[in-house]
Protein backbone atom coordinates (compact mmCIF):
# COMPACT_ATOMS: atom_id res chain seq x y z
CA UNK A 1 0.00 0.00 0.00
CA UNK A 2 1.34 3.42 -0.96
CA UNK A 3 1.38 5.80 2.01
CA UNK A 4 1.87 8.83 -0.21
CA UNK A 5 -1.71 8.37 -1.45
CA UNK A 6 -3.08 8.28 2.09
CA UNK A 7 -1.19 11.31 3.33
CA UNK A 8 -3.24 14.11 1.64
CA UNK A 9 -6.65 12.89 2.89
CA UNK A 10 -5.24 12.31 6.39
CA UNK A 11 -3.73 15.80 6.47
CA UNK A 12 -7.03 17.30 5.29
CA UNK A 13 -8.85 15.45 8.07
CA UNK A 14 -6.37 16.58 10.73
CA UNK A 15 -6.38 20.25 9.68
CA UNK A 16 -10.04 20.56 8.70
CA UNK A 17 -11.70 23.51 10.35
CA UNK A 18 -8.49 25.24 11.42
CA UNK A 19 -8.59 29.02 11.59
CA UNK A 20 -11.21 31.66 12.12
CA UNK A 21 -14.67 30.92 10.75
CA UNK A 22 -16.54 34.00 9.45
CA UNK A 23 -20.09 34.49 8.27
CA UNK A 24 -22.81 37.10 7.83
CA UNK A 25 -26.05 37.08 9.80
CA UNK A 26 -29.12 36.68 7.62
CA UNK A 27 -32.73 36.67 8.72
CA UNK A 28 -35.80 35.10 7.21
CA UNK A 29 -38.67 37.40 6.26
CA UNK A 30 -40.29 38.78 9.39
CA UNK A 31 -43.81 37.71 10.33
CA UNK A 32 -46.67 40.11 9.73
CA UNK A 33 -48.00 41.17 13.13
CA UNK A 34 -51.65 40.58 13.98
CA UNK A 35 -52.11 44.32 14.51
CA UNK A 36 -50.14 47.12 12.92
CA UNK A 37 -49.30 50.01 15.20
CA UNK A 38 -48.15 53.56 14.56
CA UNK A 39 -45.81 55.96 16.25
CA UNK A 40 -42.31 57.38 16.04
CA UNK A 41 -39.40 56.20 18.15
CA UNK A 42 -35.67 55.70 18.03
CA UNK A 43 -33.56 52.60 18.53
CA UNK A 44 -30.25 52.21 20.30
CA UNK A 45 -28.42 48.87 20.44
CA UNK A 46 -25.65 48.45 23.01
CA UNK A 47 -23.05 45.71 23.32
CA UNK A 48 -21.23 45.59 26.66
CA UNK A 49 -19.87 42.08 26.28
CA UNK A 50 -16.15 41.58 26.90
CA UNK A 51 -15.51 40.36 23.37
CA UNK A 52 -17.73 42.06 20.82
CA UNK A 53 -16.02 40.61 17.76
CA UNK A 54 -15.84 36.91 18.61
CA UNK A 55 -19.22 35.22 19.05
CA UNK A 56 -18.03 31.71 19.76
CA UNK A 57 -15.67 28.84 19.21
CA UNK A 58 -15.76 25.74 17.07
CA UNK A 59 -13.73 22.67 18.01
CA UNK A 60 -12.56 21.00 14.84
CA UNK A 61 -10.99 17.66 14.16
CA UNK A 62 -8.06 16.89 16.47
CA UNK A 63 -9.45 19.49 18.89
CA UNK A 64 -8.36 22.50 16.88
CA UNK A 65 -10.03 25.54 18.45
CA UNK A 66 -11.39 28.05 15.96
CA UNK A 67 -12.97 31.43 16.62
CA UNK A 68 -16.34 32.22 15.09
CA UNK A 69 -16.57 35.83 13.98
CA UNK A 70 -19.26 37.84 12.19
CA UNK A 71 -18.37 39.71 9.01
CA UNK A 72 -20.39 42.67 10.30
CA UNK A 73 -20.40 44.02 13.86
CA UNK A 74 -23.16 42.32 15.93
CA UNK A 75 -24.43 45.70 17.13
CA UNK A 76 -24.83 46.98 13.55
CA UNK A 77 -26.50 43.76 12.39
CA UNK A 78 -28.98 43.73 15.28
CA UNK A 79 -29.71 47.45 14.79
CA UNK A 80 -30.61 46.72 11.17
CA UNK A 81 -32.78 43.70 12.03
CA UNK A 82 -34.59 45.35 14.98
CA UNK A 83 -35.25 48.48 12.91
CA UNK A 84 -36.84 46.26 10.29
CA UNK A 85 -38.89 44.54 13.00
CA UNK A 86 -40.17 47.85 14.40
CA UNK A 87 -41.06 49.04 10.88
CA UNK A 88 -42.85 45.74 10.22
CA UNK A 89 -45.03 46.56 13.23
CA UNK A 90 -45.87 49.97 11.72
CA UNK A 91 -43.53 52.24 13.68
CA UNK A 92 -41.36 54.96 12.20
CA UNK A 93 -37.77 54.67 13.41
CA UNK A 94 -35.72 57.88 13.41
CA UNK A 95 -32.57 59.14 15.11
CA UNK A 96 -32.86 60.94 18.44
CA UNK A 97 -36.60 60.55 18.90
CA UNK A 98 -38.36 60.02 22.17
CA UNK A 99 -39.26 57.42 23.31
CA UNK A 100 -36.28 55.20 22.60
CA UNK A 101 -36.09 51.43 22.39
CA UNK A 102 -32.84 50.27 23.97
CA UNK A 103 -31.59 46.80 23.20
CA UNK A 104 -28.60 45.52 25.15
CA UNK A 105 -26.88 42.42 23.83
CA UNK A 106 -26.67 40.24 26.94
CA UNK A 107 -25.58 37.03 25.24
CA UNK A 108 -24.44 36.12 21.75
CA UNK A 109 -22.95 32.68 21.96
CA UNK A 110 -22.15 30.08 19.35
CA UNK A 111 -20.51 26.80 20.31
CA UNK A 112 -19.85 23.70 18.34
CA UNK A 113 -17.70 20.74 17.57
CA UNK A 114 -17.49 18.30 14.71
CA UNK A 115 -20.90 16.80 15.47
CA UNK A 116 -23.07 19.36 17.30
CA UNK A 117 -23.59 23.10 17.19
CA UNK A 118 -25.76 25.52 19.12
CA UNK A 119 -26.42 29.23 19.16
CA UNK A 120 -28.07 31.47 21.73
CA UNK A 121 -28.94 35.18 21.48
CA UNK A 122 -30.39 37.21 24.32
CA UNK A 123 -31.30 40.89 24.44
CA UNK A 124 -32.67 43.05 27.21
CA UNK A 125 -35.01 45.57 25.60
CA UNK A 126 -36.43 48.66 27.23
CA UNK A 127 -38.66 51.49 26.13
CA UNK A 128 -37.44 54.71 27.73
CA UNK A 129 -39.09 58.12 27.84
CA UNK A 130 -37.27 61.42 27.29
CA UNK A 131 -36.24 61.62 30.97
CA UNK A 132 -34.77 58.10 30.85
CA UNK A 133 -37.59 56.41 32.78
CA UNK A 134 -38.36 52.82 31.88
CA UNK A 135 -41.85 52.44 30.41
CA UNK A 136 -41.55 48.82 29.25
CA UNK A 137 -38.93 46.10 29.65
CA UNK A 138 -38.59 42.62 28.19
CA UNK A 139 -35.86 40.02 27.66
CA UNK A 140 -35.93 38.66 24.12
CA UNK A 141 -34.14 35.47 23.17
CA UNK A 142 -33.61 33.00 20.40
CA UNK A 143 -31.91 29.62 20.50
CA UNK A 144 -31.18 26.75 18.14
CA UNK A 145 -28.95 23.71 18.22
CA UNK A 146 -28.57 20.08 17.47
CA UNK A 147 -26.72 17.32 15.71
CA UNK A 148 -25.04 17.95 12.37
CA UNK A 149 -25.03 14.90 10.17
CA UNK A 150 -21.64 14.10 8.74
CA UNK A 151 -19.89 16.62 10.96
CA UNK A 152 -20.61 19.55 8.65
CA UNK A 153 -20.34 22.82 10.58
CA UNK A 154 -23.84 24.24 10.77
CA UNK A 155 -23.19 27.02 13.28
CA UNK A 156 -24.12 29.63 10.66
CA UNK A 157 -27.50 27.95 10.11
CA UNK A 158 -27.99 27.56 13.88
CA UNK A 159 -27.18 31.23 14.51
CA UNK A 160 -29.52 32.44 11.77
CA UNK A 161 -32.29 30.21 13.16
CA UNK A 162 -31.71 31.63 16.65
CA UNK A 163 -31.83 35.15 15.15
CA UNK A 164 -35.13 34.33 13.41
CA UNK A 165 -36.65 33.17 16.70
CA UNK A 166 -35.43 36.30 18.50
CA UNK A 167 -36.88 38.55 15.78
CA UNK A 168 -40.25 36.74 15.84
CA UNK A 169 -40.36 37.36 19.61
CA UNK A 170 -39.42 41.01 19.03
CA UNK A 171 -42.21 41.53 16.48
CA UNK A 172 -44.73 39.90 18.85
CA UNK A 173 -43.64 42.17 21.71
CA UNK A 174 -43.39 45.39 19.66
CA UNK A 175 -46.85 44.83 18.22
CA UNK A 176 -48.40 44.01 21.60
CA UNK A 177 -51.05 46.26 23.12
CA UNK A 178 -48.94 46.73 26.27
CA UNK A 179 -45.92 48.04 24.31
CA UNK A 180 -48.12 50.25 22.15
CA UNK A 181 -49.95 51.82 25.12
CA UNK A 182 -46.63 52.58 26.83
CA UNK A 183 -45.37 54.16 23.61
CA UNK A 184 -48.48 56.34 23.33
CA UNK A 185 -48.26 57.41 26.99
CA UNK A 186 -44.64 58.50 26.56
CA UNK A 187 -45.62 61.60 24.63
C-alpha atoms as a PDB file:
ATOM      1  CA  UNK A   1       0.000   0.000   0.000  1.00  0.00           C
ATOM      2  CA  UNK A   2       1.340   3.419  -0.956  1.00  0.00           C
ATOM      3  CA  UNK A   3       1.385   5.796   2.010  1.00  0.00           C
ATOM      4  CA  UNK A   4       1.870   8.831  -0.208  1.00  0.00           C
ATOM      5  CA  UNK A   5      -1.708   8.369  -1.451  1.00  0.00           C
ATOM      6  CA  UNK A   6      -3.085   8.276   2.094  1.00  0.00           C
ATOM      7  CA  UNK A   7      -1.193  11.307   3.326  1.00  0.00           C
ATOM      8  CA  UNK A   8      -3.236  14.107   1.637  1.00  0.00           C
ATOM      9  CA  UNK A   9      -6.651  12.886   2.888  1.00  0.00           C
ATOM     10  CA  UNK A  10      -5.244  12.314   6.385  1.00  0.00           C
ATOM     11  CA  UNK A  11      -3.732  15.798   6.472  1.00  0.00           C
ATOM     12  CA  UNK A  12      -7.031  17.298   5.289  1.00  0.00           C
ATOM     13  CA  UNK A  13      -8.846  15.451   8.069  1.00  0.00           C
ATOM     14  CA  UNK A  14      -6.371  16.582  10.726  1.00  0.00           C
ATOM     15  CA  UNK A  15      -6.380  20.252   9.679  1.00  0.00           C
ATOM     16  CA  UNK A  16     -10.045  20.560   8.699  1.00  0.00           C
ATOM     17  CA  UNK A  17     -11.696  23.509  10.347  1.00  0.00           C
ATOM     18  CA  UNK A  18      -8.485  25.244  11.417  1.00  0.00           C
ATOM     19  CA  UNK A  19      -8.592  29.021  11.590  1.00  0.00           C
ATOM     20  CA  UNK A  20     -11.211  31.662  12.121  1.00  0.00           C
ATOM     21  CA  UNK A  21     -14.669  30.923  10.752  1.00  0.00           C
ATOM     22  CA  UNK A  22     -16.537  34.002   9.445  1.00  0.00           C
ATOM     23  CA  UNK A  23     -20.093  34.492   8.268  1.00  0.00           C
ATOM     24  CA  UNK A  24     -22.805  37.102   7.830  1.00  0.00           C
ATOM     25  CA  UNK A  25     -26.052  37.076   9.800  1.00  0.00           C
ATOM     26  CA  UNK A  26     -29.119  36.679   7.618  1.00  0.00           C
ATOM     27  CA  UNK A  27     -32.727  36.670   8.718  1.00  0.00           C
ATOM     28  CA  UNK A  28     -35.797  35.098   7.205  1.00  0.00           C
ATOM     29  CA  UNK A  29     -38.669  37.397   6.256  1.00  0.00           C
ATOM     30  CA  UNK A  30     -40.294  38.781   9.390  1.00  0.00           C
ATOM     31  CA  UNK A  31     -43.808  37.708  10.327  1.00  0.00           C
ATOM     32  CA  UNK A  32     -46.673  40.107   9.729  1.00  0.00           C
ATOM     33  CA  UNK A  33     -48.000  41.165  13.126  1.00  0.00           C
ATOM     34  CA  UNK A  34     -51.649  40.576  13.980  1.00  0.00           C
ATOM     35  CA  UNK A  35     -52.114  44.323  14.511  1.00  0.00           C
ATOM     36  CA  UNK A  36     -50.142  47.122  12.918  1.00  0.00           C
ATOM     37  CA  UNK A  37     -49.299  50.011  15.205  1.00  0.00           C
ATOM     38  CA  UNK A  38     -48.145  53.556  14.561  1.00  0.00           C
ATOM     39  CA  UNK A  39     -45.811  55.961  16.247  1.00  0.00           C
ATOM     40  CA  UNK A  40     -42.314  57.378  16.043  1.00  0.00           C
ATOM     41  CA  UNK A  41     -39.405  56.202  18.152  1.00  0.00           C
ATOM     42  CA  UNK A  42     -35.665  55.703  18.029  1.00  0.00           C
ATOM     43  CA  UNK A  43     -33.565  52.598  18.532  1.00  0.00           C
ATOM     44  CA  UNK A  44     -30.252  52.205  20.297  1.00  0.00           C
ATOM     45  CA  UNK A  45     -28.423  48.871  20.435  1.00  0.00           C
ATOM     46  CA  UNK A  46     -25.650  48.445  23.015  1.00  0.00           C
ATOM     47  CA  UNK A  47     -23.046  45.714  23.317  1.00  0.00           C
ATOM     48  CA  UNK A  48     -21.233  45.592  26.659  1.00  0.00           C
ATOM     49  CA  UNK A  49     -19.867  42.079  26.285  1.00  0.00           C
ATOM     50  CA  UNK A  50     -16.155  41.581  26.896  1.00  0.00           C
ATOM     51  CA  UNK A  51     -15.512  40.357  23.370  1.00  0.00           C
ATOM     52  CA  UNK A  52     -17.731  42.056  20.821  1.00  0.00           C
ATOM     53  CA  UNK A  53     -16.023  40.606  17.758  1.00  0.00           C
ATOM     54  CA  UNK A  54     -15.842  36.909  18.612  1.00  0.00           C
ATOM     55  CA  UNK A  55     -19.217  35.223  19.055  1.00  0.00           C
ATOM     56  CA  UNK A  56     -18.029  31.714  19.763  1.00  0.00           C
ATOM     57  CA  UNK A  57     -15.670  28.837  19.205  1.00  0.00           C
ATOM     58  CA  UNK A  58     -15.762  25.742  17.068  1.00  0.00           C
ATOM     59  CA  UNK A  59     -13.733  22.675  18.007  1.00  0.00           C
ATOM     60  CA  UNK A  60     -12.557  21.001  14.843  1.00  0.00           C
ATOM     61  CA  UNK A  61     -10.988  17.662  14.162  1.00  0.00           C
ATOM     62  CA  UNK A  62      -8.061  16.894  16.475  1.00  0.00           C
ATOM     63  CA  UNK A  63      -9.446  19.490  18.891  1.00  0.00           C
ATOM     64  CA  UNK A  64      -8.359  22.497  16.885  1.00  0.00           C
ATOM     65  CA  UNK A  65     -10.028  25.544  18.453  1.00  0.00           C
ATOM     66  CA  UNK A  66     -11.389  28.046  15.959  1.00  0.00           C
ATOM     67  CA  UNK A  67     -12.968  31.427  16.616  1.00  0.00           C
ATOM     68  CA  UNK A  68     -16.343  32.219  15.087  1.00  0.00           C
ATOM     69  CA  UNK A  69     -16.574  35.833  13.983  1.00  0.00           C
ATOM     70  CA  UNK A  70     -19.259  37.844  12.190  1.00  0.00           C
ATOM     71  CA  UNK A  71     -18.369  39.714   9.014  1.00  0.00           C
ATOM     72  CA  UNK A  72     -20.387  42.667  10.305  1.00  0.00           C
ATOM     73  CA  UNK A  73     -20.399  44.016  13.864  1.00  0.00           C
ATOM     74  CA  UNK A  74     -23.156  42.322  15.928  1.00  0.00           C
ATOM     75  CA  UNK A  75     -24.425  45.704  17.126  1.00  0.00           C
ATOM     76  CA  UNK A  76     -24.829  46.978  13.552  1.00  0.00           C
ATOM     77  CA  UNK A  77     -26.495  43.759  12.393  1.00  0.00           C
ATOM     78  CA  UNK A  78     -28.978  43.733  15.277  1.00  0.00           C
ATOM     79  CA  UNK A  79     -29.711  47.446  14.792  1.00  0.00           C
ATOM     80  CA  UNK A  80     -30.609  46.721  11.168  1.00  0.00           C
ATOM     81  CA  UNK A  81     -32.783  43.699  12.028  1.00  0.00           C
ATOM     82  CA  UNK A  82     -34.593  45.349  14.982  1.00  0.00           C
ATOM     83  CA  UNK A  83     -35.252  48.483  12.914  1.00  0.00           C
ATOM     84  CA  UNK A  84     -36.835  46.260  10.286  1.00  0.00           C
ATOM     85  CA  UNK A  85     -38.894  44.540  13.000  1.00  0.00           C
ATOM     86  CA  UNK A  86     -40.172  47.854  14.397  1.00  0.00           C
ATOM     87  CA  UNK A  87     -41.060  49.036  10.883  1.00  0.00           C
ATOM     88  CA  UNK A  88     -42.845  45.743  10.219  1.00  0.00           C
ATOM     89  CA  UNK A  89     -45.029  46.559  13.235  1.00  0.00           C
ATOM     90  CA  UNK A  90     -45.874  49.966  11.721  1.00  0.00           C
ATOM     91  CA  UNK A  91     -43.530  52.242  13.684  1.00  0.00           C
ATOM     92  CA  UNK A  92     -41.362  54.956  12.198  1.00  0.00           C
ATOM     93  CA  UNK A  93     -37.775  54.669  13.413  1.00  0.00           C
ATOM     94  CA  UNK A  94     -35.720  57.878  13.409  1.00  0.00           C
ATOM     95  CA  UNK A  95     -32.573  59.140  15.113  1.00  0.00           C
ATOM     96  CA  UNK A  96     -32.860  60.938  18.443  1.00  0.00           C
ATOM     97  CA  UNK A  97     -36.603  60.552  18.898  1.00  0.00           C
ATOM     98  CA  UNK A  98     -38.359  60.024  22.170  1.00  0.00           C
ATOM     99  CA  UNK A  99     -39.258  57.417  23.306  1.00  0.00           C
ATOM    100  CA  UNK A 100     -36.276  55.197  22.603  1.00  0.00           C
ATOM    101  CA  UNK A 101     -36.093  51.434  22.392  1.00  0.00           C
ATOM    102  CA  UNK A 102     -32.842  50.274  23.968  1.00  0.00           C
ATOM    103  CA  UNK A 103     -31.586  46.799  23.196  1.00  0.00           C
ATOM    104  CA  UNK A 104     -28.597  45.523  25.145  1.00  0.00           C
ATOM    105  CA  UNK A 105     -26.878  42.418  23.832  1.00  0.00           C
ATOM    106  CA  UNK A 106     -26.673  40.239  26.940  1.00  0.00           C
ATOM    107  CA  UNK A 107     -25.580  37.033  25.238  1.00  0.00           C
ATOM    108  CA  UNK A 108     -24.439  36.123  21.748  1.00  0.00           C
ATOM    109  CA  UNK A 109     -22.946  32.679  21.963  1.00  0.00           C
ATOM    110  CA  UNK A 110     -22.146  30.079  19.347  1.00  0.00           C
ATOM    111  CA  UNK A 111     -20.512  26.796  20.311  1.00  0.00           C
ATOM    112  CA  UNK A 112     -19.846  23.699  18.343  1.00  0.00           C
ATOM    113  CA  UNK A 113     -17.697  20.741  17.568  1.00  0.00           C
ATOM    114  CA  UNK A 114     -17.489  18.298  14.708  1.00  0.00           C
ATOM    115  CA  UNK A 115     -20.904  16.801  15.474  1.00  0.00           C
ATOM    116  CA  UNK A 116     -23.074  19.361  17.303  1.00  0.00           C
ATOM    117  CA  UNK A 117     -23.588  23.104  17.190  1.00  0.00           C
ATOM    118  CA  UNK A 118     -25.761  25.524  19.119  1.00  0.00           C
ATOM    119  CA  UNK A 119     -26.416  29.234  19.155  1.00  0.00           C
ATOM    120  CA  UNK A 120     -28.073  31.473  21.728  1.00  0.00           C
ATOM    121  CA  UNK A 121     -28.944  35.180  21.480  1.00  0.00           C
ATOM    122  CA  UNK A 122     -30.394  37.207  24.325  1.00  0.00           C
ATOM    123  CA  UNK A 123     -31.297  40.893  24.435  1.00  0.00           C
ATOM    124  CA  UNK A 124     -32.668  43.051  27.210  1.00  0.00           C
ATOM    125  CA  UNK A 125     -35.008  45.565  25.600  1.00  0.00           C
ATOM    126  CA  UNK A 126     -36.432  48.661  27.231  1.00  0.00           C
ATOM    127  CA  UNK A 127     -38.660  51.486  26.126  1.00  0.00           C
ATOM    128  CA  UNK A 128     -37.443  54.707  27.733  1.00  0.00           C
ATOM    129  CA  UNK A 129     -39.091  58.124  27.835  1.00  0.00           C
ATOM    130  CA  UNK A 130     -37.269  61.415  27.286  1.00  0.00           C
ATOM    131  CA  UNK A 131     -36.244  61.619  30.972  1.00  0.00           C
ATOM    132  CA  UNK A 132     -34.775  58.096  30.849  1.00  0.00           C
ATOM    133  CA  UNK A 133     -37.590  56.414  32.776  1.00  0.00           C
ATOM    134  CA  UNK A 134     -38.360  52.818  31.880  1.00  0.00           C
ATOM    135  CA  UNK A 135     -41.849  52.441  30.405  1.00  0.00           C
ATOM    136  CA  UNK A 136     -41.553  48.820  29.252  1.00  0.00           C
ATOM    137  CA  UNK A 137     -38.927  46.096  29.647  1.00  0.00           C
ATOM    138  CA  UNK A 138     -38.589  42.623  28.190  1.00  0.00           C
ATOM    139  CA  UNK A 139     -35.863  40.022  27.656  1.00  0.00           C
ATOM    140  CA  UNK A 140     -35.928  38.658  24.120  1.00  0.00           C
ATOM    141  CA  UNK A 141     -34.136  35.473  23.170  1.00  0.00           C
ATOM    142  CA  UNK A 142     -33.605  32.998  20.398  1.00  0.00           C
ATOM    143  CA  UNK A 143     -31.909  29.620  20.504  1.00  0.00           C
ATOM    144  CA  UNK A 144     -31.176  26.753  18.142  1.00  0.00           C
ATOM    145  CA  UNK A 145     -28.949  23.711  18.215  1.00  0.00           C
ATOM    146  CA  UNK A 146     -28.565  20.077  17.474  1.00  0.00           C
ATOM    147  CA  UNK A 147     -26.717  17.316  15.707  1.00  0.00           C
ATOM    148  CA  UNK A 148     -25.041  17.951  12.370  1.00  0.00           C
ATOM    149  CA  UNK A 149     -25.035  14.897  10.167  1.00  0.00           C
ATOM    150  CA  UNK A 150     -21.639  14.102   8.743  1.00  0.00           C
ATOM    151  CA  UNK A 151     -19.893  16.620  10.956  1.00  0.00           C
ATOM    152  CA  UNK A 152     -20.610  19.545   8.650  1.00  0.00           C
ATOM    153  CA  UNK A 153     -20.342  22.825  10.581  1.00  0.00           C
ATOM    154  CA  UNK A 154     -23.842  24.238  10.774  1.00  0.00           C
ATOM    155  CA  UNK A 155     -23.186  27.016  13.276  1.00  0.00           C
ATOM    156  CA  UNK A 156     -24.118  29.633  10.660  1.00  0.00           C
ATOM    157  CA  UNK A 157     -27.496  27.954  10.112  1.00  0.00           C
ATOM    158  CA  UNK A 158     -27.992  27.559  13.878  1.00  0.00           C
ATOM    159  CA  UNK A 159     -27.175  31.226  14.506  1.00  0.00           C
ATOM    160  CA  UNK A 160     -29.518  32.445  11.773  1.00  0.00           C
ATOM    161  CA  UNK A 161     -32.293  30.208  13.158  1.00  0.00           C
ATOM    162  CA  UNK A 162     -31.709  31.629  16.645  1.00  0.00           C
ATOM    163  CA  UNK A 163     -31.833  35.153  15.152  1.00  0.00           C
ATOM    164  CA  UNK A 164     -35.132  34.330  13.407  1.00  0.00           C
ATOM    165  CA  UNK A 165     -36.645  33.167  16.705  1.00  0.00           C
ATOM    166  CA  UNK A 166     -35.434  36.297  18.499  1.00  0.00           C
ATOM    167  CA  UNK A 167     -36.876  38.547  15.777  1.00  0.00           C
ATOM    168  CA  UNK A 168     -40.249  36.738  15.842  1.00  0.00           C
ATOM    169  CA  UNK A 169     -40.356  37.357  19.607  1.00  0.00           C
ATOM    170  CA  UNK A 170     -39.415  41.009  19.031  1.00  0.00           C
ATOM    171  CA  UNK A 171     -42.209  41.534  16.477  1.00  0.00           C
ATOM    172  CA  UNK A 172     -44.728  39.902  18.848  1.00  0.00           C
ATOM    173  CA  UNK A 173     -43.643  42.174  21.711  1.00  0.00           C
ATOM    174  CA  UNK A 174     -43.389  45.389  19.665  1.00  0.00           C
ATOM    175  CA  UNK A 175     -46.855  44.833  18.216  1.00  0.00           C
ATOM    176  CA  UNK A 176     -48.402  44.011  21.604  1.00  0.00           C
ATOM    177  CA  UNK A 177     -51.047  46.264  23.124  1.00  0.00           C
ATOM    178  CA  UNK A 178     -48.935  46.731  26.265  1.00  0.00           C
ATOM    179  CA  UNK A 179     -45.919  48.039  24.313  1.00  0.00           C
ATOM    180  CA  UNK A 180     -48.124  50.255  22.149  1.00  0.00           C
ATOM    181  CA  UNK A 181     -49.947  51.816  25.120  1.00  0.00           C
ATOM    182  CA  UNK A 182     -46.629  52.581  26.829  1.00  0.00           C
ATOM    183  CA  UNK A 183     -45.366  54.162  23.612  1.00  0.00           C
ATOM    184  CA  UNK A 184     -48.479  56.340  23.335  1.00  0.00           C
ATOM    185  CA  UNK A 185     -48.257  57.408  26.994  1.00  0.00           C
ATOM    186  CA  UNK A 186     -44.638  58.504  26.560  1.00  0.00           C
ATOM    187  CA  UNK A 187     -45.624  61.600  24.633  1.00  0.00           C
END
